[in-house]
């Protein structure tokens, strides 16, 4: 797997293996030793700063491909109605065990199980 940062489009690019649920479970497994520390981070200054600049607390926010859920967690603890979806089943199970108060579930962003206009 080749991974690089595409500066012109400001994104991380993965080339090679298919990024399926098994791939992402393996990816997040390497990070899961930090899970309890990450999931309890209640102040991600970048995410919270920009979100508060444009959206009031209580806003329903969705993060697709939330991984370990640290952004969902920070938003939740700052008064947002935050939801996360990831298709890495084992990762989502770990997050749900560690932080059951968060609204994170297994899903595919191409086929969301939310009604139209659910999120703000």
PDB file of N, CA and C in Angstrom:
ATOM      1  N   UNK A   1       0.856  -1.180   0.000  1.00  0.00           N
ATOM      2  CA  UNK A   1       0.000   0.000   0.000  1.00  0.00           C
ATOM      3  C   UNK A   1       0.893   1.230   0.000  1.00  0.00           C
ATOM      4  N   UNK A   2       0.643   2.107  -0.927  1.00  0.00           N
ATOM      5  CA  UNK A   2       1.345   3.385  -0.999  1.00  0.00           C
ATOM      6  C   UNK A   2       0.415   4.455  -0.431  1.00  0.00           C
ATOM      7  N   UNK A   3       0.948   5.289   0.418  1.00  0.00           N
ATOM      8  CA  UNK A   3       0.156   6.362   1.026  1.00  0.00           C
ATOM      9  C   UNK A   3       0.934   7.662   0.868  1.00  0.00           C
ATOM     10  N   UNK A   4       0.250   8.710   0.406  1.00  0.00           N
ATOM     11  CA  UNK A   4       0.910  10.002   0.277  1.00  0.00           C
ATOM     12  C   UNK A   4      -0.104  11.126   0.464  1.00  0.00           C
ATOM     13  N   UNK A   5       0.421  12.306   0.741  1.00  0.00           N
ATOM     14  CA  UNK A   5      -0.434  13.477   0.908  1.00  0.00           C
ATOM     15  C   UNK A   5      -0.424  14.270  -0.386  1.00  0.00           C
ATOM     16  N   UNK A   6      -1.590  14.475  -0.966  1.00  0.00           N
ATOM     17  CA  UNK A   6      -1.771  15.235  -2.196  1.00  0.00           C
ATOM     18  C   UNK A   6      -1.989  16.698  -1.814  1.00  0.00           C
ATOM     19  N   UNK A   7      -0.927  17.504  -1.887  1.00  0.00           N
ATOM     20  CA  UNK A   7      -0.993  18.906  -1.447  1.00  0.00           C
ATOM     21  C   UNK A   7      -1.955  19.733  -2.280  1.00  0.00           C
ATOM     22  N   UNK A   8      -2.005  19.485  -3.564  1.00  0.00           N
ATOM     23  CA  UNK A   8      -2.852  20.313  -4.427  1.00  0.00           C
ATOM     24  C   UNK A   8      -4.346  20.137  -4.115  1.00  0.00           C
ATOM     25  N   UNK A   9      -4.722  18.963  -3.615  1.00  0.00           N
ATOM     26  CA  UNK A   9      -6.128  18.718  -3.249  1.00  0.00           C
ATOM     27  C   UNK A   9      -6.332  18.595  -1.744  1.00  0.00           C
ATOM     28  N   UNK A  10      -5.243  18.781  -0.978  1.00  0.00           N
ATOM     29  CA  UNK A  10      -5.308  18.757   0.473  1.00  0.00           C
ATOM     30  C   UNK A  10      -5.965  17.490   1.010  1.00  0.00           C
ATOM     31  N   UNK A  11      -5.436  16.318   0.587  1.00  0.00           N
ATOM     32  CA  UNK A  11      -6.023  15.049   1.023  1.00  0.00           C
ATOM     33  C   UNK A  11      -4.973  13.947   1.086  1.00  0.00           C
ATOM     34  N   UNK A  12      -5.262  12.960   1.894  1.00  0.00           N
ATOM     35  CA  UNK A  12      -4.437  11.777   2.016  1.00  0.00           C
ATOM     36  C   UNK A  12      -4.911  10.770   0.981  1.00  0.00           C
ATOM     37  N   UNK A  13      -3.983  10.176   0.235  1.00  0.00           N
ATOM     38  CA  UNK A  13      -4.332   9.243  -0.836  1.00  0.00           C
ATOM     39  C   UNK A  13      -3.706   7.886  -0.534  1.00  0.00           C
ATOM     40  N   UNK A  14      -4.515   6.833  -0.663  1.00  0.00           N
ATOM     41  CA  UNK A  14      -4.058   5.455  -0.509  1.00  0.00           C
ATOM     42  C   UNK A  14      -4.147   4.777  -1.873  1.00  0.00           C
ATOM     43  N   UNK A  15      -3.066   4.132  -2.313  1.00  0.00           N
ATOM     44  CA  UNK A  15      -3.044   3.449  -3.602  1.00  0.00           C
ATOM     45  C   UNK A  15      -2.596   2.019  -3.376  1.00  0.00           C
ATOM     46  N   UNK A  16      -3.308   1.081  -3.953  1.00  0.00           N
ATOM     47  CA  UNK A  16      -2.914  -0.317  -3.838  1.00  0.00           C
ATOM     48  C   UNK A  16      -4.081  -1.178  -3.416  1.00  0.00           C
ATOM     49  N   UNK A  17      -4.073  -1.623  -2.184  1.00  0.00           N
ATOM     50  CA  UNK A  17      -5.130  -2.486  -1.667  1.00  0.00           C
ATOM     51  C   UNK A  17      -6.476  -1.781  -1.641  1.00  0.00           C
ATOM     52  N   UNK A  18      -7.516  -2.584  -1.732  1.00  0.00           N
ATOM     53  CA  UNK A  18      -8.865  -2.026  -1.586  1.00  0.00           C
ATOM     54  C   UNK A  18      -9.070  -1.629  -0.131  1.00  0.00           C
ATOM     55  N   UNK A  19      -9.620  -0.469   0.078  1.00  0.00           N
ATOM     56  CA  UNK A  19      -9.878   0.007   1.436  1.00  0.00           C
ATOM     57  C   UNK A  19     -11.242  -0.513   1.879  1.00  0.00           C
ATOM     58  N   UNK A  20     -11.299  -1.788   2.245  1.00  0.00           N
ATOM     59  CA  UNK A  20     -12.553  -2.390   2.708  1.00  0.00           C
ATOM     60  C   UNK A  20     -12.583  -2.421   4.229  1.00  0.00           C
ATOM     61  N   UNK A  21     -13.612  -3.032   4.813  1.00  0.00           N
ATOM     62  CA  UNK A  21     -13.731  -3.043   6.272  1.00  0.00           C
ATOM     63  C   UNK A  21     -12.553  -3.746   6.938  1.00  0.00           C
ATOM     64  N   UNK A  22     -12.035  -4.802   6.327  1.00  0.00           N
ATOM     65  CA  UNK A  22     -10.887  -5.512   6.902  1.00  0.00           C
ATOM     66  C   UNK A  22      -9.656  -4.605   6.923  1.00  0.00           C
ATOM     67  N   UNK A  23      -9.432  -3.905   5.839  1.00  0.00           N
ATOM     68  CA  UNK A  23      -8.301  -2.984   5.778  1.00  0.00           C
ATOM     69  C   UNK A  23      -8.394  -1.954   6.902  1.00  0.00           C
ATOM     70  N   UNK A  24      -9.571  -1.316   7.054  1.00  0.00           N
ATOM     71  CA  UNK A  24      -9.706  -0.255   8.052  1.00  0.00           C
ATOM     72  C   UNK A  24      -9.658  -0.807   9.469  1.00  0.00           C
ATOM     73  N   UNK A  25     -10.194  -2.002   9.698  1.00  0.00           N
ATOM     74  CA  UNK A  25     -10.058  -2.602  11.032  1.00  0.00           C
ATOM     75  C   UNK A  25      -8.587  -2.795  11.366  1.00  0.00           C
ATOM     76  N   UNK A  26      -7.790  -3.258  10.396  1.00  0.00           N
ATOM     77  CA  UNK A  26      -6.351  -3.431  10.625  1.00  0.00           C
ATOM     78  C   UNK A  26      -5.681  -2.079  10.868  1.00  0.00           C
ATOM     79  N   UNK A  27      -6.053  -1.096  10.081  1.00  0.00           N
ATOM     80  CA  UNK A  27      -5.489   0.250  10.245  1.00  0.00           C
ATOM     81  C   UNK A  27      -5.773   0.789  11.644  1.00  0.00           C
ATOM     82  N   UNK A  28      -7.038   0.719  12.071  1.00  0.00           N
ATOM     83  CA  UNK A  28      -7.406   1.270  13.378  1.00  0.00           C
ATOM     84  C   UNK A  28      -6.918   0.400  14.521  1.00  0.00           C
ATOM     85  N   UNK A  29      -6.688  -0.896  14.250  1.00  0.00           N
ATOM     86  CA  UNK A  29      -6.150  -1.776  15.295  1.00  0.00           C
ATOM     87  C   UNK A  29      -4.774  -1.277  15.737  1.00  0.00           C
ATOM     88  N   UNK A  30      -3.991  -0.799  14.783  1.00  0.00           N
ATOM     89  CA  UNK A  30      -2.664  -0.279  15.134  1.00  0.00           C
ATOM     90  C   UNK A  30      -2.765   0.990  15.975  1.00  0.00           C
ATOM     91  N   UNK A  31      -3.876   1.674  15.884  1.00  0.00           N
ATOM     92  CA  UNK A  31      -4.099   2.896  16.660  1.00  0.00           C
ATOM     93  C   UNK A  31      -4.893   2.636  17.936  1.00  0.00           C
ATOM     94  N   UNK A  32      -5.482   1.445  18.083  1.00  0.00           N
ATOM     95  CA  UNK A  32      -6.428   1.210  19.169  1.00  0.00           C
ATOM     96  C   UNK A  32      -5.800   1.218  20.558  1.00  0.00           C
ATOM     97  N   UNK A  33      -4.475   1.122  20.648  1.00  0.00           N
ATOM     98  CA  UNK A  33      -3.850   1.231  21.967  1.00  0.00           C
ATOM     99  C   UNK A  33      -4.086   2.627  22.542  1.00  0.00           C
ATOM    100  N   UNK A  34      -4.321   3.592  21.657  1.00  0.00           N
ATOM    101  CA  UNK A  34      -4.581   4.971  22.071  1.00  0.00           C
ATOM    102  C   UNK A  34      -6.072   5.261  22.191  1.00  0.00           C
ATOM    103  N   UNK A  35      -6.908   4.257  21.943  1.00  0.00           N
ATOM    104  CA  UNK A  35      -8.352   4.477  21.834  1.00  0.00           C
ATOM    105  C   UNK A  35      -8.941   5.176  23.048  1.00  0.00           C
ATOM    106  N   UNK A  36      -8.697   4.655  24.240  1.00  0.00           N
ATOM    107  CA  UNK A  36      -9.304   5.250  25.428  1.00  0.00           C
ATOM    108  C   UNK A  36      -8.868   6.699  25.607  1.00  0.00           C
ATOM    109  N   UNK A  37      -7.610   6.965  25.318  1.00  0.00           N
ATOM    110  CA  UNK A  37      -7.112   8.339  25.432  1.00  0.00           C
ATOM    111  C   UNK A  37      -7.756   9.229  24.371  1.00  0.00           C
ATOM    112  N   UNK A  38      -7.822   8.745  23.129  1.00  0.00           N
ATOM    113  CA  UNK A  38      -8.374   9.547  22.032  1.00  0.00           C
ATOM    114  C   UNK A  38      -9.860   9.789  22.186  1.00  0.00           C
ATOM    115  N   UNK A  39     -10.585   8.760  22.566  1.00  0.00           N
ATOM    116  CA  UNK A  39     -12.045   8.866  22.616  1.00  0.00           C
ATOM    117  C   UNK A  39     -12.505   9.761  23.758  1.00  0.00           C
ATOM    118  N   UNK A  40     -11.667   9.961  24.723  1.00  0.00           N
ATOM    119  CA  UNK A  40     -12.033  10.820  25.850  1.00  0.00           C
ATOM    120  C   UNK A  40     -11.541  12.249  25.674  1.00  0.00           C
ATOM    121  N   UNK A  41     -10.916  12.539  24.522  1.00  0.00           N
ATOM    122  CA  UNK A  41     -10.484  13.904  24.242  1.00  0.00           C
ATOM    123  C   UNK A  41     -11.729  14.726  23.961  1.00  0.00           C
ATOM    124  N   UNK A  42     -11.987  15.659  24.811  1.00  0.00           N
ATOM    125  CA  UNK A  42     -13.216  16.434  24.694  1.00  0.00           C
ATOM    126  C   UNK A  42     -12.983  17.799  24.057  1.00  0.00           C
ATOM    127  N   UNK A  43     -11.724  18.095  23.728  1.00  0.00           N
ATOM    128  CA  UNK A  43     -11.457  19.415  23.176  1.00  0.00           C
ATOM    129  C   UNK A  43     -10.481  19.318  22.011  1.00  0.00           C
ATOM    130  N   UNK A  44     -10.999  19.064  20.833  1.00  0.00           N
ATOM    131  CA  UNK A  44     -10.208  19.125  19.611  1.00  0.00           C
ATOM    132  C   UNK A  44     -10.354  20.569  19.123  1.00  0.00           C
ATOM    133  N   UNK A  45      -9.387  21.405  19.439  1.00  0.00           N
ATOM    134  CA  UNK A  45      -9.508  22.841  19.182  1.00  0.00           C
ATOM    135  C   UNK A  45      -9.790  23.181  17.723  1.00  0.00           C
ATOM    136  N   UNK A  46      -9.204  22.435  16.807  1.00  0.00           N
ATOM    137  CA  UNK A  46      -9.425  22.705  15.384  1.00  0.00           C
ATOM    138  C   UNK A  46     -10.880  22.425  15.012  1.00  0.00           C
ATOM    139  N   UNK A  47     -11.371  21.236  15.318  1.00  0.00           N
ATOM    140  CA  UNK A  47     -12.746  20.851  14.971  1.00  0.00           C
ATOM    141  C   UNK A  47     -13.750  21.729  15.715  1.00  0.00           C
ATOM    142  N   UNK A  48     -13.582  21.875  17.010  1.00  0.00           N
ATOM    143  CA  UNK A  48     -14.532  22.653  17.807  1.00  0.00           C
ATOM    144  C   UNK A  48     -14.485  24.129  17.424  1.00  0.00           C
ATOM    145  N   UNK A  49     -13.300  24.658  17.219  1.00  0.00           N
ATOM    146  CA  UNK A  49     -13.174  26.069  16.852  1.00  0.00           C
ATOM    147  C   UNK A  49     -13.910  26.400  15.564  1.00  0.00           C
ATOM    148  N   UNK A  50     -13.674  25.609  14.530  1.00  0.00           N
ATOM    149  CA  UNK A  50     -14.342  25.869  13.255  1.00  0.00           C
ATOM    150  C   UNK A  50     -15.827  25.553  13.312  1.00  0.00           C
ATOM    151  N   UNK A  51     -16.200  24.516  14.021  1.00  0.00           N
ATOM    152  CA  UNK A  51     -17.616  24.170  14.107  1.00  0.00           C
ATOM    153  C   UNK A  51     -18.381  25.268  14.832  1.00  0.00           C
ATOM    154  N   UNK A  52     -17.854  25.735  15.962  1.00  0.00           N
ATOM    155  CA  UNK A  52     -18.540  26.806  16.711  1.00  0.00           C
ATOM    156  C   UNK A  52     -18.627  28.102  15.916  1.00  0.00           C
ATOM    157  N   UNK A  53     -17.675  28.299  15.023  1.00  0.00           N
ATOM    158  CA  UNK A  53     -17.674  29.509  14.205  1.00  0.00           C
ATOM    159  C   UNK A  53     -18.891  29.534  13.270  1.00  0.00           C
ATOM    160  N   UNK A  54     -19.339  28.355  12.825  1.00  0.00           N
ATOM    161  CA  UNK A  54     -20.402  28.295  11.827  1.00  0.00           C
ATOM    162  C   UNK A  54     -21.700  27.643  12.289  1.00  0.00           C
ATOM    163  N   UNK A  55     -21.649  26.822  13.333  1.00  0.00           N
ATOM    164  CA  UNK A  55     -22.840  26.086  13.760  1.00  0.00           C
ATOM    165  C   UNK A  55     -23.055  26.204  15.266  1.00  0.00           C
ATOM    166  N   UNK A  56     -24.284  26.429  15.699  1.00  0.00           N
ATOM    167  CA  UNK A  56     -24.552  26.519  17.140  1.00  0.00           C
ATOM    168  C   UNK A  56     -24.616  25.128  17.770  1.00  0.00           C
ATOM    169  N   UNK A  57     -24.345  25.022  19.070  1.00  0.00           N
ATOM    170  CA  UNK A  57     -24.534  23.748  19.768  1.00  0.00           C
ATOM    171  C   UNK A  57     -25.961  23.243  19.552  1.00  0.00           C
ATOM    172  N   UNK A  58     -26.117  21.932  19.528  1.00  0.00           N
ATOM    173  CA  UNK A  58     -27.417  21.319  19.272  1.00  0.00           C
ATOM    174  C   UNK A  58     -27.593  20.905  17.822  1.00  0.00           C
ATOM    175  N   UNK A  59     -26.739  21.432  16.947  1.00  0.00           N
ATOM    176  CA  UNK A  59     -26.805  21.096  15.530  1.00  0.00           C
ATOM    177  C   UNK A  59     -26.519  19.601  15.333  1.00  0.00           C
ATOM    178  N   UNK A  60     -27.279  18.948  14.446  1.00  0.00           N
ATOM    179  CA  UNK A  60     -27.037  17.535  14.116  1.00  0.00           C
ATOM    180  C   UNK A  60     -25.933  17.465  13.067  1.00  0.00           C
ATOM    181  N   UNK A  61     -24.838  16.794  13.443  1.00  0.00           N
ATOM    182  CA  UNK A  61     -23.656  16.712  12.578  1.00  0.00           C
ATOM    183  C   UNK A  61     -23.329  15.247  12.321  1.00  0.00           C
ATOM    184  N   UNK A  62     -22.933  14.956  11.092  1.00  0.00           N
ATOM    185  CA  UNK A  62     -22.588  13.592  10.686  1.00  0.00           C
ATOM    186  C   UNK A  62     -21.132  13.535  10.257  1.00  0.00           C
ATOM    187  N   UNK A  63     -20.419  12.502  10.733  1.00  0.00           N
ATOM    188  CA  UNK A  63     -19.065  12.244  10.244  1.00  0.00           C
ATOM    189  C   UNK A  63     -19.039  10.874   9.600  1.00  0.00           C
ATOM    190  N   UNK A  64     -18.818  10.838   8.305  1.00  0.00           N
ATOM    191  CA  UNK A  64     -18.691   9.572   7.581  1.00  0.00           C
ATOM    192  C   UNK A  64     -17.248   9.108   7.625  1.00  0.00           C
ATOM    193  N   UNK A  65     -17.049   7.823   7.923  1.00  0.00           N
ATOM    194  CA  UNK A  65     -15.696   7.306   8.051  1.00  0.00           C
ATOM    195  C   UNK A  65     -15.042   7.831   9.311  1.00  0.00           C
ATOM    196  N   UNK A  66     -15.740   7.701  10.430  1.00  0.00           N
ATOM    197  CA  UNK A  66     -15.297   8.330  11.685  1.00  0.00           C
ATOM    198  C   UNK A  66     -14.168   7.598  12.389  1.00  0.00           C
ATOM    199  N   UNK A  67     -13.830   6.385  11.957  1.00  0.00           N
ATOM    200  CA  UNK A  67     -12.709   5.674  12.575  1.00  0.00           C
ATOM    201  C   UNK A  67     -12.886   5.505  14.070  1.00  0.00           C
ATOM    202  N   UNK A  68     -11.951   6.025  14.854  1.00  0.00           N
ATOM    203  CA  UNK A  68     -11.999   5.879  16.308  1.00  0.00           C
ATOM    204  C   UNK A  68     -12.951   6.862  16.982  1.00  0.00           C
ATOM    205  N   UNK A  69     -13.550   7.752  16.219  1.00  0.00           N
ATOM    206  CA  UNK A  69     -14.609   8.612  16.737  1.00  0.00           C
ATOM    207  C   UNK A  69     -14.184   9.801  17.558  1.00  0.00           C
ATOM    208  N   UNK A  70     -12.928  10.211  17.474  1.00  0.00           N
ATOM    209  CA  UNK A  70     -12.490  11.317  18.321  1.00  0.00           C
ATOM    210  C   UNK A  70     -13.170  12.644  17.984  1.00  0.00           C
ATOM    211  N   UNK A  71     -13.502  12.868  16.719  1.00  0.00           N
ATOM    212  CA  UNK A  71     -14.203  14.108  16.356  1.00  0.00           C
ATOM    213  C   UNK A  71     -15.652  14.064  16.807  1.00  0.00           C
ATOM    214  N   UNK A  72     -16.288  12.906  16.656  1.00  0.00           N
ATOM    215  CA  UNK A  72     -17.656  12.736  17.146  1.00  0.00           C
ATOM    216  C   UNK A  72     -17.683  12.966  18.657  1.00  0.00           C
ATOM    217  N   UNK A  73     -16.689  12.448  19.348  1.00  0.00           N
ATOM    218  CA  UNK A  73     -16.601  12.608  20.798  1.00  0.00           C
ATOM    219  C   UNK A  73     -16.460  14.083  21.186  1.00  0.00           C
ATOM    220  N   UNK A  74     -15.541  14.785  20.550  1.00  0.00           N
ATOM    221  CA  UNK A  74     -15.337  16.195  20.876  1.00  0.00           C
ATOM    222  C   UNK A  74     -16.607  17.001  20.615  1.00  0.00           C
ATOM    223  N   UNK A  75     -17.251  16.753  19.483  1.00  0.00           N
ATOM    224  CA  UNK A  75     -18.494  17.463  19.163  1.00  0.00           C
ATOM    225  C   UNK A  75     -19.582  17.150  20.188  1.00  0.00           C
ATOM    226  N   UNK A  76     -19.699  15.895  20.552  1.00  0.00           N
ATOM    227  CA  UNK A  76     -20.691  15.461  21.542  1.00  0.00           C
ATOM    228  C   UNK A  76     -20.510  16.224  22.862  1.00  0.00           C
ATOM    229  N   UNK A  77     -19.289  16.302  23.342  1.00  0.00           N
ATOM    230  CA  UNK A  77     -19.029  16.946  24.625  1.00  0.00           C
ATOM    231  C   UNK A  77     -19.071  18.475  24.566  1.00  0.00           C
ATOM    232  N   UNK A  78     -19.216  19.017  23.368  1.00  0.00           N
ATOM    233  CA  UNK A  78     -19.384  20.466  23.229  1.00  0.00           C
ATOM    234  C   UNK A  78     -20.814  20.819  22.854  1.00  0.00           C
ATOM    235  N   UNK A  79     -21.730  19.879  23.055  1.00  0.00           N
ATOM    236  CA  UNK A  79     -23.145  20.171  22.903  1.00  0.00           C
ATOM    237  C   UNK A  79     -23.751  19.931  21.536  1.00  0.00           C
ATOM    238  N   UNK A  80     -23.003  19.313  20.642  1.00  0.00           N
ATOM    239  CA  UNK A  80     -23.544  19.004  19.319  1.00  0.00           C
ATOM    240  C   UNK A  80     -24.178  17.619  19.324  1.00  0.00           C
ATOM    241  N   UNK A  81     -25.150  17.421  18.465  1.00  0.00           N
ATOM    242  CA  UNK A  81     -25.800  16.124  18.294  1.00  0.00           C
ATOM    243  C   UNK A  81     -25.026  15.395  17.193  1.00  0.00           C
ATOM    244  N   UNK A  82     -23.902  14.803  17.573  1.00  0.00           N
ATOM    245  CA  UNK A  82     -22.951  14.243  16.616  1.00  0.00           C
ATOM    246  C   UNK A  82     -23.173  12.747  16.391  1.00  0.00           C
ATOM    247  N   UNK A  83     -23.082  12.347  15.134  1.00  0.00           N
ATOM    248  CA  UNK A  83     -23.238  10.956  14.721  1.00  0.00           C
ATOM    249  C   UNK A  83     -22.032  10.563  13.887  1.00  0.00           C
ATOM    250  N   UNK A  84     -21.639   9.308  14.009  1.00  0.00           N
ATOM    251  CA  UNK A  84     -20.546   8.802  13.196  1.00  0.00           C
ATOM    252  C   UNK A  84     -20.881   7.444  12.621  1.00  0.00           C
ATOM    253  N   UNK A  85     -20.379   7.197  11.422  1.00  0.00           N
ATOM    254  CA  UNK A  85     -20.555   5.913  10.745  1.00  0.00           C
ATOM    255  C   UNK A  85     -19.198   5.492  10.202  1.00  0.00           C
ATOM    256  N   UNK A  86     -18.899   4.216  10.366  1.00  0.00           N
ATOM    257  CA  UNK A  86     -17.696   3.643   9.777  1.00  0.00           C
ATOM    258  C   UNK A  86     -18.022   2.210   9.411  1.00  0.00           C
ATOM    259  N   UNK A  87     -17.382   1.669   8.378  1.00  0.00           N
ATOM    260  CA  UNK A  87     -17.681   0.287   8.036  1.00  0.00           C
ATOM    261  C   UNK A  87     -16.672  -0.706   8.577  1.00  0.00           C
ATOM    262  N   UNK A  88     -15.779  -0.262   9.429  1.00  0.00           N
ATOM    263  CA  UNK A  88     -14.842  -1.153  10.115  1.00  0.00           C
ATOM    264  C   UNK A  88     -15.536  -1.701  11.363  1.00  0.00           C
ATOM    265  N   UNK A  89     -16.148  -2.871  11.209  1.00  0.00           N
ATOM    266  CA  UNK A  89     -17.023  -3.429  12.256  1.00  0.00           C
ATOM    267  C   UNK A  89     -16.344  -3.581  13.608  1.00  0.00           C
ATOM    268  N   UNK A  90     -15.150  -4.144  13.626  1.00  0.00           N
ATOM    269  CA  UNK A  90     -14.454  -4.375  14.900  1.00  0.00           C
ATOM    270  C   UNK A  90     -14.074  -3.050  15.565  1.00  0.00           C
ATOM    271  N   UNK A  91     -13.711  -2.082  14.776  1.00  0.00           N
ATOM    272  CA  UNK A  91     -13.364  -0.765  15.310  1.00  0.00           C
ATOM    273  C   UNK A  91     -14.579  -0.119  15.958  1.00  0.00           C
ATOM    274  N   UNK A  92     -15.720  -0.181  15.272  1.00  0.00           N
ATOM    275  CA  UNK A  92     -16.947   0.400  15.824  1.00  0.00           C
ATOM    276  C   UNK A  92     -17.339  -0.312  17.118  1.00  0.00           C
ATOM    277  N   UNK A  93     -17.182  -1.632  17.184  1.00  0.00           N
ATOM    278  CA  UNK A  93     -17.478  -2.366  18.422  1.00  0.00           C
ATOM    279  C   UNK A  93     -16.610  -1.861  19.565  1.00  0.00           C
ATOM    280  N   UNK A  94     -15.314  -1.676  19.304  1.00  0.00           N
ATOM    281  CA  UNK A  94     -14.392  -1.187  20.338  1.00  0.00           C
ATOM    282  C   UNK A  94     -14.790   0.208  20.817  1.00  0.00           C
ATOM    283  N   UNK A  95     -15.110   1.069  19.871  1.00  0.00           N
ATOM    284  CA  UNK A  95     -15.502   2.434  20.228  1.00  0.00           C
ATOM    285  C   UNK A  95     -16.784   2.406  21.061  1.00  0.00           C
ATOM    286  N   UNK A  96     -17.756   1.595  20.651  1.00  0.00           N
ATOM    287  CA  UNK A  96     -19.025   1.511  21.384  1.00  0.00           C
ATOM    288  C   UNK A  96     -18.838   0.953  22.798  1.00  0.00           C
ATOM    289  N   UNK A  97     -17.889   0.028  22.964  1.00  0.00           N
ATOM    290  CA  UNK A  97     -17.611  -0.485  24.317  1.00  0.00           C
ATOM    291  C   UNK A  97     -16.946   0.586  25.179  1.00  0.00           C
ATOM    292  N   UNK A  98     -16.053   1.334  24.580  1.00  0.00           N
ATOM    293  CA  UNK A  98     -15.287   2.335  25.313  1.00  0.00           C
ATOM    294  C   UNK A  98     -16.109   3.589  25.609  1.00  0.00           C
ATOM    295  N   UNK A  99     -16.980   3.960  24.679  1.00  0.00           N
ATOM    296  CA  UNK A  99     -17.758   5.199  24.826  1.00  0.00           C
ATOM    297  C   UNK A  99     -19.188   4.977  24.329  1.00  0.00           C
ATOM    298  N   UNK A 100     -19.989   4.238  25.102  1.00  0.00           N
ATOM    299  CA  UNK A 100     -21.349   3.912  24.646  1.00  0.00           C
ATOM    300  C   UNK A 100     -22.267   5.121  24.507  1.00  0.00           C
ATOM    301  N   UNK A 101     -21.872   6.255  25.062  1.00  0.00           N
ATOM    302  CA  UNK A 101     -22.700   7.462  24.961  1.00  0.00           C
ATOM    303  C   UNK A 101     -22.635   8.101  23.567  1.00  0.00           C
ATOM    304  N   UNK A 102     -21.661   7.692  22.760  1.00  0.00           N
ATOM    305  CA  UNK A 102     -21.517   8.267  21.428  1.00  0.00           C
ATOM    306  C   UNK A 102     -22.409   7.543  20.421  1.00  0.00           C
ATOM    307  N   UNK A 103     -22.893   8.286  19.443  1.00  0.00           N
ATOM    308  CA  UNK A 103     -23.778   7.736  18.407  1.00  0.00           C
ATOM    309  C   UNK A 103     -22.939   7.328  17.201  1.00  0.00           C
ATOM    310  N   UNK A 104     -22.244   6.209  17.360  1.00  0.00           N
ATOM    311  CA  UNK A 104     -21.386   5.685  16.297  1.00  0.00           C
ATOM    312  C   UNK A 104     -21.860   4.287  15.960  1.00  0.00           C
ATOM    313  N   UNK A 105     -22.042   4.038  14.656  1.00  0.00           N
ATOM    314  CA  UNK A 105     -22.510   2.721  14.252  1.00  0.00           C
ATOM    315  C   UNK A 105     -21.844   2.291  12.955  1.00  0.00           C
ATOM    316  N   UNK A 106     -21.977   1.012  12.671  1.00  0.00           N
ATOM    317  CA  UNK A 106     -21.447   0.448  11.440  1.00  0.00           C
ATOM    318  C   UNK A 106     -22.353   0.881  10.293  1.00  0.00           C
ATOM    319  N   UNK A 107     -21.759   1.295   9.211  1.00  0.00           N
ATOM    320  CA  UNK A 107     -22.537   1.688   8.049  1.00  0.00           C
ATOM    321  C   UNK A 107     -21.642   2.071   6.893  1.00  0.00           C
ATOM    322  N   UNK A 108     -22.270   2.335   5.780  1.00  0.00           N
ATOM    323  CA  UNK A 108     -21.585   2.713   4.555  1.00  0.00           C
ATOM    324  C   UNK A 108     -22.121   4.082   4.142  1.00  0.00           C
ATOM    325  N   UNK A 109     -21.234   5.034   3.938  1.00  0.00           N
ATOM    326  CA  UNK A 109     -21.672   6.391   3.602  1.00  0.00           C
ATOM    327  C   UNK A 109     -22.408   6.449   2.270  1.00  0.00           C
ATOM    328  N   UNK A 110     -22.267   5.410   1.460  1.00  0.00           N
ATOM    329  CA  UNK A 110     -22.984   5.385   0.181  1.00  0.00           C
ATOM    330  C   UNK A 110     -24.414   4.890   0.326  1.00  0.00           C
ATOM    331  N   UNK A 111     -24.754   4.395   1.519  1.00  0.00           N
ATOM    332  CA  UNK A 111     -26.098   3.861   1.755  1.00  0.00           C
ATOM    333  C   UNK A 111     -26.468   4.102   3.217  1.00  0.00           C
ATOM    334  N   UNK A 112     -26.690   5.358   3.563  1.00  0.00           N
ATOM    335  CA  UNK A 112     -26.968   5.718   4.946  1.00  0.00           C
ATOM    336  C   UNK A 112     -28.400   5.372   5.341  1.00  0.00           C
ATOM    337  N   UNK A 113     -28.565   4.971   6.573  1.00  0.00           N
ATOM    338  CA  UNK A 113     -29.864   4.584   7.092  1.00  0.00           C
ATOM    339  C   UNK A 113     -30.494   5.706   7.917  1.00  0.00           C
ATOM    340  N   UNK A 114     -30.407   6.917   7.406  1.00  0.00           N
ATOM    341  CA  UNK A 114     -31.011   8.079   8.048  1.00  0.00           C
ATOM    342  C   UNK A 114     -32.020   8.676   7.078  1.00  0.00           C
ATOM    343  N   UNK A 115     -33.095   9.236   7.598  1.00  0.00           N
ATOM    344  CA  UNK A 115     -34.063   9.877   6.691  1.00  0.00           C
ATOM    345  C   UNK A 115     -33.443  11.091   5.995  1.00  0.00           C
ATOM    346  N   UNK A 116     -33.986  11.455   4.845  1.00  0.00           N
ATOM    347  CA  UNK A 116     -33.544  12.661   4.160  1.00  0.00           C
ATOM    348  C   UNK A 116     -33.682  13.870   5.072  1.00  0.00           C
ATOM    349  N   UNK A 117     -32.735  14.770   4.962  1.00  0.00           N
ATOM    350  CA  UNK A 117     -32.715  16.025   5.735  1.00  0.00           C
ATOM    351  C   UNK A 117     -32.626  15.816   7.248  1.00  0.00           C
ATOM    352  N   UNK A 118     -32.114  14.677   7.685  1.00  0.00           N
ATOM    353  CA  UNK A 118     -31.974  14.384   9.107  1.00  0.00           C
ATOM    354  C   UNK A 118     -30.915  15.282   9.751  1.00  0.00           C
ATOM    355  N   UNK A 119     -29.828  15.492   9.040  1.00  0.00           N
ATOM    356  CA  UNK A 119     -28.716  16.274   9.576  1.00  0.00           C
ATOM    357  C   UNK A 119     -28.835  17.738   9.162  1.00  0.00           C
ATOM    358  N   UNK A 120     -28.292  18.609  10.029  1.00  0.00           N
ATOM    359  CA  UNK A 120     -28.320  20.034   9.723  1.00  0.00           C
ATOM    360  C   UNK A 120     -27.205  20.383   8.768  1.00  0.00           C
TER     361      UNK A 120
END
